[in-house]
């Protein structure tokens, strides 16, 4: 009989567990939805505070799919289809590549997930500050004991406890907690042996000396909140540098494609030169040496073209991986139209002079935020280490009231409550550890000052180098354009003079090589200037990325002034 009762109770507890899970909506999917709500709420508030405005954020990975059949169907982007394996080969524009990258890139998705994880972790640490931390547990136990002796005694029992609680942390170091306890114990030998008890209690503890006031208790949470705003600013800057990286890869592949086309054109010129030289050698107008030289130059150009073809294909495949596309995807870039448009625009102007660029960098670069925060934290750590010397003096207040006995346990007897007040004092006579920690914090503060001074110098150095590289790149492009004009004229003249017998085949071959190098040089310098300028603008907060990943230039740099309104130390220079 007791075994049957014990079994029934075990099954009852299992059913109770299942019922609580169902009523509480505690399926894994529902927990995930709750996590999303907390994280997105934190992200939305933080982005509004740090960046201003409203921008959607979704951590879900939603890349362009391969039609209905993901293994063989085409990937659709606007009105174009990118086939996997056999099929047409569309030419993708720069904007289309950017849109694909912001949807498909694995590294970009990883960065989004890191930001989401940081928001979720911050939402978790906020519990207990506001809103209060809800805790407690529901526990139950069913037990069967058998003692083998002359009487062969057996006992069965069931116990349960329910104890929800709320805990509120205070910036001044205090802590307030309110809890409810409900206990149930049943001896199955005799059902009359049942005990039920309940208790409501509230406790408040406040330090008066060590750890009291001055926000010391909130310091860790303060840093988490601040660093999360930093991460939002850094993520915003990451989207810009990511887009710049895609643009750089796009133009670098186009440059290799243009180099390949220049080599093909050069081979056509060399074939004409070889045929003309052969006719002149057969007519006795020039030496055999020039014919061998012309043939060697042609063979070398063909070897280069094979190497350029392989390099171009490798770079294009690498771009596919960067975009998040399968390597087997059939795609080309918009050549030569994209380079022609870039040439028509020409090198865009530099929006700052060197002095202005340095000043802007100290107000826009994300690493400046972290460095100034490190200096402030080192100063704060000295105060925290000094506080450890202060004696501990805590005051505690509490009140509790029990429920009525037996069946009226839910009726709390507040008229028979218990109150207490306690003062706790503690001071360690051996202060060696605190002494060492305090001295170490002073040393760390000195180092933080040195690190910040060195950091500022490195920022100035980096900006000056970038600015000078940008100026040099623009000037090199202008010189290369002039060089190309001369090379074209020289190639045309020497070929005409060879026909008239006024120039040797060597002159023609040398002019053809100079023209090939000049053509490659113009494209290389234009792409280099474009990429260097974008890097420069990204470092100075002069870019903006829209929802589709397209890059736009700002008229004014985007500074972290909004963050500085809440954390003034990041704007102090």
Protein backbone atom coordinates (compact mmCIF):
# COMPACT_ATOMS: atom_id res chain seq x y z
CA UNK A 1 0.00 0.00 0.00
CA UNK A 2 2.77 2.40 0.91
CA UNK A 3 4.67 1.51 -2.30
CA UNK A 4 1.57 2.33 -4.32
CA UNK A 5 1.15 5.66 -2.52
CA UNK A 6 4.81 6.45 -2.98
CA UNK A 7 4.59 5.68 -6.72
CA UNK A 8 1.51 7.82 -7.09
CA UNK A 9 3.31 10.73 -5.44
CA UNK A 10 6.34 10.35 -7.68
CA UNK A 11 4.14 10.48 -10.77
CA UNK A 12 2.29 13.42 -9.27
CA UNK A 13 5.55 15.34 -8.92
CA UNK A 14 6.47 14.53 -12.51
CA UNK A 15 3.08 15.75 -13.71
CA UNK A 16 3.53 18.90 -11.60
CA UNK A 17 6.88 19.57 -13.27
CA UNK A 18 5.37 19.13 -16.73
CA UNK A 19 2.45 21.38 -15.81
CA UNK A 20 4.74 24.15 -14.54
CA UNK A 21 6.77 24.04 -17.74
CA UNK A 22 3.62 24.26 -19.83
CA UNK A 23 2.02 27.05 -17.79
CA UNK A 24 5.22 29.00 -17.56
CA UNK A 25 5.79 28.99 -21.32
CA UNK A 26 9.26 27.61 -20.76
CA UNK A 27 9.91 25.80 -24.01
CA UNK A 28 13.39 26.43 -25.51
CA UNK A 29 11.84 28.32 -28.45
CA UNK A 30 9.93 30.61 -26.11
CA UNK A 31 13.04 31.23 -24.03
CA UNK A 32 14.84 32.17 -27.26
CA UNK A 33 12.07 34.65 -28.07
CA UNK A 34 12.43 36.16 -24.60
CA UNK A 35 16.18 36.50 -25.15
CA UNK A 36 15.54 38.26 -28.47
CA UNK A 37 13.18 40.71 -26.82
CA UNK A 38 15.70 41.57 -24.11
CA UNK A 39 18.61 41.86 -26.53
CA UNK A 40 16.76 43.89 -29.17
CA UNK A 41 15.33 46.22 -26.52
CA UNK A 42 18.86 46.80 -25.22
CA UNK A 43 20.20 47.30 -28.74
CA UNK A 44 17.47 49.72 -29.71
CA UNK A 45 17.93 51.90 -26.62
CA UNK A 46 21.71 51.81 -26.88
CA UNK A 47 21.81 52.62 -30.61
CA UNK A 48 19.46 55.56 -30.06
CA UNK A 49 21.64 56.89 -27.26
CA UNK A 50 25.00 56.32 -28.94
CA UNK A 51 24.14 56.93 -32.60
CA UNK A 52 20.83 58.78 -32.65
CA UNK A 53 17.83 57.88 -34.77
CA UNK A 54 16.30 54.45 -35.26
CA UNK A 55 17.81 51.63 -37.30
CA UNK A 56 16.59 48.07 -37.38
CA UNK A 57 18.86 45.29 -36.20
CA UNK A 58 18.22 41.60 -36.81
CA UNK A 59 20.76 38.97 -35.82
CA UNK A 60 19.12 36.28 -37.97
CA UNK A 61 21.23 35.02 -40.88
CA UNK A 62 19.16 35.57 -44.01
CA UNK A 63 21.40 35.26 -47.08
CA UNK A 64 20.27 35.26 -50.69
CA UNK A 65 19.13 31.72 -51.41
CA UNK A 66 19.50 29.58 -54.50
CA UNK A 67 15.86 29.71 -55.63
CA UNK A 68 13.57 26.89 -54.57
CA UNK A 69 16.32 24.33 -54.92
CA UNK A 70 19.25 25.61 -52.86
CA UNK A 71 21.65 23.08 -54.39
CA UNK A 72 21.10 23.91 -58.09
CA UNK A 73 18.83 26.94 -58.39
CA UNK A 74 20.14 30.43 -59.19
CA UNK A 75 20.78 33.14 -56.59
CA UNK A 76 18.58 36.10 -57.43
CA UNK A 77 19.75 39.67 -56.85
CA UNK A 78 17.45 42.35 -58.27
CA UNK A 79 16.76 41.25 -61.86
CA UNK A 80 19.89 39.11 -62.18
CA UNK A 81 20.41 35.41 -61.55
CA UNK A 82 23.70 33.92 -60.40
CA UNK A 83 23.84 30.26 -61.38
CA UNK A 84 25.80 27.64 -59.50
CA UNK A 85 27.69 25.53 -62.01
CA UNK A 86 26.53 25.74 -65.61
CA UNK A 87 24.53 28.75 -66.70
CA UNK A 88 24.78 32.37 -67.86
CA UNK A 89 27.40 34.61 -66.27
CA UNK A 90 25.99 37.99 -65.18
CA UNK A 91 28.14 41.04 -64.56
CA UNK A 92 27.62 42.36 -61.04
CA UNK A 93 27.81 46.04 -60.20
CA UNK A 94 29.57 47.34 -57.11
CA UNK A 95 26.25 48.09 -55.39
CA UNK A 96 25.04 44.55 -56.06
CA UNK A 97 28.20 43.08 -54.57
CA UNK A 98 27.78 45.26 -51.49
CA UNK A 99 24.18 44.15 -51.06
CA UNK A 100 25.19 40.50 -51.39
CA UNK A 101 28.01 40.91 -48.88
CA UNK A 102 25.78 42.51 -46.25
CA UNK A 103 23.32 39.62 -46.63
CA UNK A 104 25.64 36.66 -47.25
CA UNK A 105 29.02 37.42 -45.69
CA UNK A 106 29.88 34.98 -42.93
CA UNK A 107 32.33 37.35 -41.24
CA UNK A 108 29.74 40.14 -41.20
CA UNK A 109 27.18 37.77 -39.69
CA UNK A 110 29.69 36.77 -37.00
CA UNK A 111 30.19 40.43 -36.12
CA UNK A 112 26.42 40.94 -35.83
CA UNK A 113 26.18 37.93 -33.54
CA UNK A 114 28.95 39.29 -31.33
CA UNK A 115 27.02 42.55 -30.90
CA UNK A 116 23.80 40.66 -30.18
CA UNK A 117 25.58 38.48 -27.60
CA UNK A 118 26.95 41.59 -25.92
CA UNK A 119 23.46 43.11 -25.74
CA UNK A 120 22.03 39.92 -24.26
CA UNK A 121 24.79 39.74 -21.66
CA UNK A 122 24.22 43.37 -20.68
CA UNK A 123 20.48 42.81 -20.32
CA UNK A 124 21.30 39.91 -18.00
CA UNK A 125 23.62 41.98 -15.77
CA UNK A 126 20.94 44.67 -15.41
CA UNK A 127 18.79 42.29 -13.39
CA UNK A 128 18.85 43.35 -9.79
CA UNK A 129 19.53 46.99 -10.61
CA UNK A 130 16.33 47.65 -12.47
CA UNK A 131 14.06 45.81 -12.59
CA UNK A 132 14.61 43.82 -9.39
CA UNK A 133 16.05 40.35 -9.68
CA UNK A 134 13.35 37.70 -9.45
CA UNK A 135 14.66 34.42 -8.07
CA UNK A 136 13.84 31.47 -5.90
CA UNK A 137 12.92 27.89 -6.70
CA UNK A 138 10.24 25.24 -6.36
CA UNK A 139 11.67 22.00 -4.96
CA UNK A 140 10.04 18.69 -4.08
CA UNK A 141 11.25 15.32 -2.85
CA UNK A 142 9.60 11.89 -2.41
CA UNK A 143 11.59 9.39 -0.35
CA UNK A 144 11.21 5.71 0.64
CA UNK A 145 13.36 4.19 3.43
CA UNK A 146 13.46 0.57 4.57
CA UNK A 147 15.42 -0.60 7.59
CA UNK A 148 16.12 -4.35 7.67
CA UNK A 149 15.81 -5.47 11.28
CA UNK A 150 13.51 -7.62 13.43
CA UNK A 151 10.65 -5.17 12.98
CA UNK A 152 11.47 -4.58 9.29
CA UNK A 153 10.41 -0.92 9.45
CA UNK A 154 9.61 1.15 6.40
CA UNK A 155 8.99 4.91 6.08
CA UNK A 156 7.76 7.07 3.20
CA UNK A 157 7.79 10.83 3.08
CA UNK A 158 7.17 13.72 0.74
CA UNK A 159 8.44 17.28 1.12
CA UNK A 160 8.11 20.41 -1.00
CA UNK A 161 9.30 23.99 -0.75
CA UNK A 162 8.46 27.15 -2.70
CA UNK A 163 10.52 30.25 -2.17
CA UNK A 164 10.20 33.17 -4.67
CA UNK A 165 12.23 36.30 -3.94
CA UNK A 166 12.94 39.80 -5.25
CA UNK A 167 16.31 41.51 -4.87
CA UNK A 168 16.99 45.19 -5.57
CA UNK A 169 20.54 46.51 -5.69
CA UNK A 170 21.15 50.17 -4.87
CA UNK A 171 23.82 52.44 -6.33
CA UNK A 172 24.84 53.48 -2.82
CA UNK A 173 25.86 49.90 -2.02
CA UNK A 174 22.68 48.81 -0.29
CA UNK A 175 20.59 45.75 -1.07
CA UNK A 176 16.90 45.16 -0.47
CA UNK A 177 15.40 41.67 -0.66
CA UNK A 178 11.84 40.42 -0.19
CA UNK A 179 11.07 36.71 -0.06
CA UNK A 180 8.30 34.21 0.51
CA UNK A 181 8.89 30.68 1.85
CA UNK A 182 6.36 27.87 1.79
CA UNK A 183 7.23 24.39 3.16
CA UNK A 184 5.25 21.15 3.06
CA UNK A 185 6.21 17.84 4.71
CA UNK A 186 4.12 14.62 4.75
CA UNK A 187 4.84 11.32 6.46
CA UNK A 188 3.02 8.58 4.61
CA UNK A 189 2.96 6.24 7.62
CA UNK A 190 0.16 8.35 8.94
CA UNK A 191 -1.41 11.00 6.74
CA UNK A 192 -2.14 13.05 9.83
CA UNK A 193 1.57 13.71 10.22
CA UNK A 194 1.60 16.68 7.86
CA UNK A 195 3.43 19.96 8.45
CA UNK A 196 2.83 23.14 6.42
CA UNK A 197 4.56 26.41 7.07
CA UNK A 198 4.90 29.79 5.37
CA UNK A 199 7.04 32.85 5.97
CA UNK A 200 7.34 36.36 4.48
CA UNK A 201 10.48 38.32 5.16
CA UNK A 202 12.19 41.50 3.98
CA UNK A 203 15.81 42.50 4.57
CA UNK A 204 17.79 45.65 3.87
CA UNK A 205 21.56 45.98 4.19
CA UNK A 206 23.48 49.21 3.70
CA UNK A 207 27.24 49.76 4.07
CA UNK A 208 28.08 53.01 5.84
CA UNK A 209 31.82 53.16 5.28
CA UNK A 210 33.63 50.71 2.96
CA UNK A 211 31.85 50.35 -0.38
CA UNK A 212 29.24 52.95 0.52
CA UNK A 213 27.99 55.82 -1.66
CA UNK A 214 30.14 57.32 -4.45
CA UNK A 215 28.75 54.73 -6.88
CA UNK A 216 31.39 52.16 -5.96
CA UNK A 217 28.87 49.35 -5.91
CA UNK A 218 27.67 50.31 -9.39
CA UNK A 219 31.15 50.59 -10.89
CA UNK A 220 31.22 47.22 -12.66
CA UNK A 221 27.77 47.77 -14.15
CA UNK A 222 28.74 51.32 -15.10
CA UNK A 223 31.64 49.98 -17.14
CA UNK A 224 29.48 47.33 -18.78
CA UNK A 225 26.90 49.93 -19.81
CA UNK A 226 29.54 52.29 -21.14
CA UNK A 227 31.51 49.62 -22.98
CA UNK A 228 28.34 48.41 -24.64
CA UNK A 229 27.73 51.89 -26.05
CA UNK A 230 31.32 51.79 -27.26
CA UNK A 231 30.66 48.47 -28.97
CA UNK A 232 27.67 50.00 -30.77
CA UNK A 233 29.84 52.84 -32.04
CA UNK A 234 32.53 50.36 -33.03
CA UNK A 235 29.99 48.19 -34.84
CA UNK A 236 28.76 51.21 -36.77
CA UNK A 237 32.34 51.94 -37.79
CA UNK A 238 32.83 48.25 -38.62
CA UNK A 239 30.00 48.41 -41.15
CA UNK A 240 31.86 51.24 -42.87
CA UNK A 241 35.23 49.50 -42.92
CA UNK A 242 33.54 46.28 -44.05
CA UNK A 243 31.91 48.09 -46.98
CA UNK A 244 35.23 49.76 -47.79
CA UNK A 245 36.89 46.34 -47.79
CA UNK A 246 34.34 45.00 -50.28
CA UNK A 247 34.87 48.03 -52.51
CA UNK A 248 38.64 47.59 -52.34
CA UNK A 249 38.35 43.91 -53.26
CA UNK A 250 35.98 44.76 -56.12
CA UNK A 251 38.32 47.34 -57.62
CA UNK A 252 41.41 45.19 -57.05
CA UNK A 253 39.82 42.38 -59.04
CA UNK A 254 38.86 44.89 -61.75
CA UNK A 255 42.45 46.09 -61.79
CA UNK A 256 43.66 42.54 -62.43
CA UNK A 257 41.01 42.14 -65.11
CA UNK A 258 42.21 45.36 -66.74
CA UNK A 259 45.82 44.19 -66.50
CA UNK A 260 44.81 40.99 -68.29
CA UNK A 261 43.06 42.98 -71.03
CA UNK A 262 46.09 45.27 -71.42
CA UNK A 263 48.26 42.20 -71.86
CA UNK A 264 45.98 40.86 -74.59
CA UNK A 265 46.12 44.21 -76.38
CA UNK A 266 49.89 44.23 -75.96
CA UNK A 267 50.14 40.76 -77.50
CA UNK A 268 48.20 42.05 -80.50
CA UNK A 269 50.73 44.87 -80.94
CA UNK A 270 53.67 42.50 -80.51
CA UNK A 271 52.27 40.17 -83.19
CA UNK A 272 52.07 43.10 -85.61
CA UNK A 273 55.62 44.12 -84.73
CA UNK A 274 56.84 40.55 -85.16
CA UNK A 275 55.21 40.26 -88.61
CA UNK A 276 56.64 43.60 -89.74
CA UNK A 277 60.09 42.72 -88.40
CA UNK A 278 60.00 39.33 -90.19
CA UNK A 279 59.21 41.06 -93.48
CA UNK A 280 62.10 43.49 -92.96
CA UNK A 281 64.51 40.68 -92.10
CA UNK A 282 63.43 38.73 -95.21
CA UNK A 283 64.00 41.88 -97.26
CA UNK A 284 67.42 42.39 -95.69
CA UNK A 285 66.39 45.69 -94.18
CA UNK A 286 67.25 44.77 -90.59
CA UNK A 287 69.18 42.17 -88.61
CA UNK A 288 67.95 38.75 -87.52
CA UNK A 289 68.63 39.76 -83.93
CA UNK A 290 65.59 42.03 -83.91
CA UNK A 291 63.34 39.23 -85.12
CA UNK A 292 64.46 36.99 -82.24
CA UNK A 293 63.95 39.85 -79.82
CA UNK A 294 60.42 40.49 -81.09
CA UNK A 295 59.56 36.80 -80.82
CA UNK A 296 60.96 36.62 -77.28
CA UNK A 297 58.92 39.64 -76.21
CA UNK A 298 55.80 38.01 -77.63
CA UNK A 299 56.49 34.73 -75.80
CA UNK A 300 57.12 36.58 -72.53
CA UNK A 301 53.86 38.48 -72.95
CA UNK A 302 51.97 35.22 -73.53
CA UNK A 303 53.53 33.74 -70.40
CA UNK A 304 52.52 36.82 -68.41
CA UNK A 305 48.99 36.61 -69.77
CA UNK A 306 48.64 33.01 -68.56
CA UNK A 307 49.88 34.04 -65.11
CA UNK A 308 47.56 37.08 -65.11
CA UNK A 309 44.61 34.90 -66.11
CA UNK A 310 45.25 32.54 -63.22
CA UNK A 311 45.75 35.40 -60.75
CA UNK A 312 42.53 37.06 -61.92
CA UNK A 313 40.50 33.85 -61.55
CA UNK A 314 41.93 33.22 -58.10
CA UNK A 315 41.08 36.76 -56.99
CA UNK A 316 37.56 36.49 -58.39
CA UNK A 317 37.00 33.22 -56.52
CA UNK A 318 38.31 34.81 -53.33
CA UNK A 319 35.88 37.71 -53.81
CA UNK A 320 33.03 35.19 -54.06
CA UNK A 321 34.02 33.70 -50.71
CA UNK A 322 34.27 37.19 -49.19
CA UNK A 323 30.78 37.99 -50.46
CA UNK A 324 29.45 34.74 -49.04
CA UNK A 325 28.76 33.14 -52.43
CA UNK A 326 29.68 29.58 -53.44
CA UNK A 327 32.98 29.36 -55.29
CA UNK A 328 31.12 27.63 -58.14
CA UNK A 329 28.92 30.70 -58.66
CA UNK A 330 29.05 32.03 -62.22
CA UNK A 331 29.69 35.75 -62.04
CA UNK A 332 31.89 38.45 -63.45
CA UNK A 333 32.37 42.06 -62.48
CA UNK A 334 31.16 45.00 -64.50
CA UNK A 335 34.17 45.45 -66.75
CA UNK A 336 35.15 47.76 -68.33
CA UNK A 337 32.16 49.96 -67.43
CA UNK A 338 33.00 50.19 -63.71
CA UNK A 339 36.56 51.36 -64.39
CA UNK A 340 35.37 53.75 -67.11
CA UNK A 341 32.96 55.34 -64.64
CA UNK A 342 35.74 55.58 -62.07
CA UNK A 343 37.97 57.28 -64.65
CA UNK A 344 35.23 59.69 -65.63
CA UNK A 345 34.80 60.79 -62.02
CA UNK A 346 38.54 60.89 -61.52
CA UNK A 347 40.27 61.25 -58.17
CA UNK A 348 37.84 62.86 -55.73
CA UNK A 349 39.14 65.71 -53.55
CA UNK A 350 40.43 65.29 -50.00
CA UNK A 351 37.91 66.90 -47.61
CA UNK A 352 40.51 67.94 -44.98
CA UNK A 353 43.95 69.32 -44.71
CA UNK A 354 46.43 67.53 -42.47
CA UNK A 355 45.77 69.60 -39.33
CA UNK A 356 42.00 69.21 -39.63
CA UNK A 357 42.34 65.46 -40.18
CA UNK A 358 44.31 65.08 -36.95
CA UNK A 359 41.73 67.04 -34.97
CA UNK A 360 38.83 65.06 -36.41
CA UNK A 361 40.53 61.72 -35.72
CA UNK A 362 40.59 62.43 -31.97
CA UNK A 363 36.79 62.89 -32.06
CA UNK A 364 35.77 60.06 -34.35
CA UNK A 365 38.04 57.02 -34.02
CA UNK A 366 36.60 54.18 -31.90
CA UNK A 367 39.97 53.32 -30.39
CA UNK A 368 40.05 56.82 -28.85
CA UNK A 369 36.96 55.88 -26.84
CA UNK A 370 38.61 52.79 -25.41
CA UNK A 371 41.86 54.56 -24.59
CA UNK A 372 40.21 57.43 -22.73
CA UNK A 373 38.00 54.95 -20.88
CA UNK A 374 41.09 53.00 -19.81
CA UNK A 375 42.60 56.18 -18.36
CA UNK A 376 39.41 57.02 -16.48
CA UNK A 377 39.14 53.44 -15.16
CA UNK A 378 42.71 53.56 -13.90
CA UNK A 379 41.88 56.73 -11.96
CA UNK A 380 38.77 55.10 -10.57
CA UNK A 381 40.71 51.97 -9.58
CA UNK A 382 42.89 54.12 -7.34
CA UNK A 383 39.77 55.32 -5.50
CA UNK A 384 38.47 51.76 -5.18
CA UNK A 385 41.83 50.55 -3.84
CA UNK A 386 41.88 53.42 -1.31
CA UNK A 387 38.37 52.52 -0.19
CA UNK A 388 39.64 49.08 0.87
CA UNK A 389 41.48 50.71 3.79
CA UNK A 390 38.19 51.97 5.24
CA UNK A 391 36.64 49.77 7.94
CA UNK A 392 33.55 47.79 7.10
CA UNK A 393 30.49 49.14 8.87
CA UNK A 394 27.19 47.70 7.65
CA UNK A 395 23.72 48.17 9.05
CA UNK A 396 21.02 45.57 8.43
CA UNK A 397 17.29 45.84 8.99
CA UNK A 398 14.74 43.09 8.61
CA UNK A 399 11.21 42.01 9.26
CA UNK A 400 9.53 38.61 8.95
CA UNK A 401 6.08 37.19 9.58
CA UNK A 402 5.00 33.56 9.62
CA UNK A 403 1.76 32.05 8.41
CA UNK A 404 -0.89 30.42 10.55
CA UNK A 405 -0.62 26.73 11.31
CA UNK A 406 -2.17 23.82 9.48
CA UNK A 407 -4.76 24.65 6.83
CA UNK A 408 -4.50 28.42 7.39
CA UNK A 409 -0.84 28.62 6.46
CA UNK A 410 -1.62 31.20 3.73
CA UNK A 411 -2.80 33.70 6.32
CA UNK A 412 0.30 35.63 7.33
CA UNK A 413 0.31 36.78 10.94
CA UNK A 414 1.65 40.29 10.44
CA UNK A 415 0.52 41.21 13.96
CA UNK A 416 3.05 38.69 15.32
CA UNK A 417 5.96 39.72 13.12
CA UNK A 418 9.64 39.74 14.07
CA UNK A 419 11.93 42.71 13.48
CA UNK A 420 15.64 42.97 13.77
CA UNK A 421 18.38 45.57 13.41
CA UNK A 422 22.05 44.71 13.21
CA UNK A 423 25.29 46.64 12.90
CA UNK A 424 28.39 44.80 11.73
CA UNK A 425 31.92 46.18 12.07
CA UNK A 426 35.03 44.59 10.61
CA UNK A 427 38.57 45.89 10.24
CA UNK A 428 41.60 43.79 9.39
CA UNK A 429 44.73 44.78 11.30
CA UNK A 430 46.97 43.39 8.58
CA UNK A 431 46.65 45.83 5.67
CA UNK A 432 49.54 44.45 3.60
CA UNK A 433 47.34 43.20 0.76
CA UNK A 434 45.43 46.48 0.59
CA UNK A 435 48.70 48.40 0.71
CA UNK A 436 50.10 46.43 -2.23
CA UNK A 437 46.89 46.74 -4.23
CA UNK A 438 46.79 50.49 -3.70
CA UNK A 439 50.42 50.93 -4.73
CA UNK A 440 49.85 48.76 -7.79
CA UNK A 441 46.85 50.91 -8.75
CA UNK A 442 49.03 54.04 -8.57
CA UNK A 443 51.59 52.42 -10.83
CA UNK A 444 48.82 51.34 -13.20
CA UNK A 445 47.54 54.93 -13.29
CA UNK A 446 50.98 56.26 -14.20
CA UNK A 447 51.21 53.67 -16.94
CA UNK A 448 47.74 54.59 -18.19
CA UNK A 449 48.85 58.21 -18.53
CA UNK A 450 51.93 57.14 -20.47
CA UNK A 451 49.92 54.79 -22.65
CA UNK A 452 47.42 57.51 -23.46
CA UNK A 453 50.15 60.00 -24.35
CA UNK A 454 51.80 57.40 -26.59
CA UNK A 455 48.45 56.50 -28.09
CA UNK A 456 47.72 60.12 -29.04
CA UNK A 457 51.16 60.40 -30.64
CA UNK A 458 50.49 57.22 -32.62
CA UNK A 459 47.13 58.56 -33.75
CA UNK A 460 48.81 61.73 -34.98
CA UNK A 461 51.48 59.65 -36.70
CA UNK A 462 48.92 57.35 -38.30
CA UNK A 463 46.75 60.19 -39.59
CA UNK A 464 49.74 62.09 -40.95
CA UNK A 465 51.04 59.00 -42.71
CA UNK A 466 47.61 58.28 -44.18
CA UNK A 467 47.21 61.86 -45.34
CA UNK A 468 50.66 61.94 -46.94
CA UNK A 469 50.02 58.58 -48.61
CA UNK A 470 46.76 59.97 -49.97
CA UNK A 471 48.45 63.09 -51.33
CA UNK A 472 51.24 61.00 -52.85
CA UNK A 473 48.74 58.61 -54.43
CA UNK A 474 46.82 61.46 -56.05
CA UNK A 475 49.99 63.02 -57.42
CA UNK A 476 51.18 59.62 -58.69
CA UNK A 477 47.90 59.18 -60.54
CA UNK A 478 48.26 62.55 -62.23
CA UNK A 479 51.81 61.66 -63.28
CA UNK A 480 50.70 58.26 -64.55
CA UNK A 481 47.99 59.89 -66.70
CA UNK A 482 50.62 62.11 -68.26
CA UNK A 483 52.90 59.10 -68.68
CA UNK A 484 50.13 57.20 -70.51
CA UNK A 485 49.57 60.07 -72.96
CA UNK A 486 53.29 60.07 -73.83
CA UNK A 487 53.41 56.27 -74.04
CA UNK A 488 50.50 56.14 -76.50
CA UNK A 489 52.07 58.80 -78.71
CA UNK A 490 55.46 57.08 -78.55
CA UNK A 491 54.00 53.68 -79.46
CA UNK A 492 52.16 55.09 -82.44
CA UNK A 493 55.14 57.05 -83.72
CA UNK A 494 57.72 54.28 -83.40
CA UNK A 495 55.50 51.77 -85.22
CA UNK A 496 55.00 54.24 -88.08
CA UNK A 497 58.73 55.02 -88.15
CA UNK A 498 59.56 51.30 -88.27
CA UNK A 499 57.48 51.01 -91.42
CA UNK A 500 59.48 53.88 -92.91
CA UNK A 501 62.76 52.41 -91.75
CA UNK A 502 63.41 55.29 -89.39
CA UNK A 503 63.13 53.27 -86.15
CA UNK A 504 64.52 49.89 -85.20
CA UNK A 505 62.27 47.03 -84.00
CA UNK A 506 63.95 47.47 -80.61
CA UNK A 507 62.49 51.00 -80.37
CA UNK A 508 59.04 49.66 -81.21
CA UNK A 509 59.27 46.83 -78.66
CA UNK A 510 60.47 49.21 -75.97
CA UNK A 511 57.60 51.62 -76.72
CA UNK A 512 55.06 48.79 -76.57
CA UNK A 513 56.36 47.68 -73.18
CA UNK A 514 56.27 51.26 -71.91
CA UNK A 515 52.66 51.57 -73.08
CA UNK A 516 51.66 48.35 -71.28
CA UNK A 517 53.29 49.53 -68.06
CA UNK A 518 51.67 52.97 -68.36
CA UNK A 519 48.20 51.48 -68.91
CA UNK A 520 48.61 49.23 -65.89
CA UNK A 521 50.04 52.12 -63.89
CA UNK A 522 47.07 54.43 -64.51
CA UNK A 523 44.54 51.82 -63.40
CA UNK A 524 46.68 50.81 -60.44
CA UNK A 525 47.13 54.38 -59.23
CA UNK A 526 43.46 55.25 -59.68
CA UNK A 527 42.37 52.17 -57.74
CA UNK A 528 45.05 52.79 -55.11
CA UNK A 529 43.93 56.40 -54.64
CA UNK A 530 40.27 55.40 -54.46
CA UNK A 531 40.97 52.72 -51.86
CA UNK A 532 43.36 54.90 -49.84
CA UNK A 533 40.84 57.73 -49.81
CA UNK A 534 38.02 55.44 -48.63
CA UNK A 535 40.23 54.08 -45.84
CA UNK A 536 41.09 57.62 -44.84
CA UNK A 537 37.43 58.69 -44.76
CA UNK A 538 36.38 55.58 -42.85
CA UNK A 539 38.96 56.29 -40.15
CA UNK A 540 37.62 59.83 -39.82
CA UNK A 541 33.92 58.91 -39.62
CA UNK A 542 33.08 60.48 -42.97
CA UNK A 543 31.14 57.51 -44.36
CA UNK A 544 27.64 56.15 -43.90
CA UNK A 545 26.29 52.71 -44.85
CA UNK A 546 22.60 52.28 -45.70
CA UNK A 547 20.46 49.18 -45.16
CA UNK A 548 21.65 47.57 -48.40
CA UNK A 549 25.32 48.08 -47.64
CA UNK A 550 25.83 50.97 -50.03
CA UNK A 551 28.39 53.53 -49.02
CA UNK A 552 27.70 57.26 -48.86
CA UNK A 553 30.02 60.12 -47.96
CA UNK A 554 29.06 62.49 -45.16
CA UNK A 555 29.38 66.22 -45.37
CA UNK A 556 30.43 66.32 -41.71
CA UNK A 557 32.32 63.68 -39.68
CA UNK A 558 30.31 61.48 -37.32
CA UNK A 559 31.68 62.06 -33.83
CA UNK A 560 30.98 60.32 -30.53
CA UNK A 561 29.58 63.46 -28.92
CA UNK A 562 26.33 61.66 -28.06
CA UNK A 563 28.25 59.12 -25.96
CA UNK A 564 30.20 61.96 -24.37
CA UNK A 565 26.99 63.49 -23.01
CA UNK A 566 26.62 60.52 -20.70
CA UNK A 567 30.31 59.73 -20.22
CA UNK A 568 32.17 63.06 -20.30
CA UNK A 569 35.59 61.46 -19.87
CA UNK A 570 35.54 60.21 -23.50
CA UNK A 571 35.42 63.78 -24.83
CA UNK A 572 38.10 65.17 -22.52
CA UNK A 573 41.37 65.75 -24.36
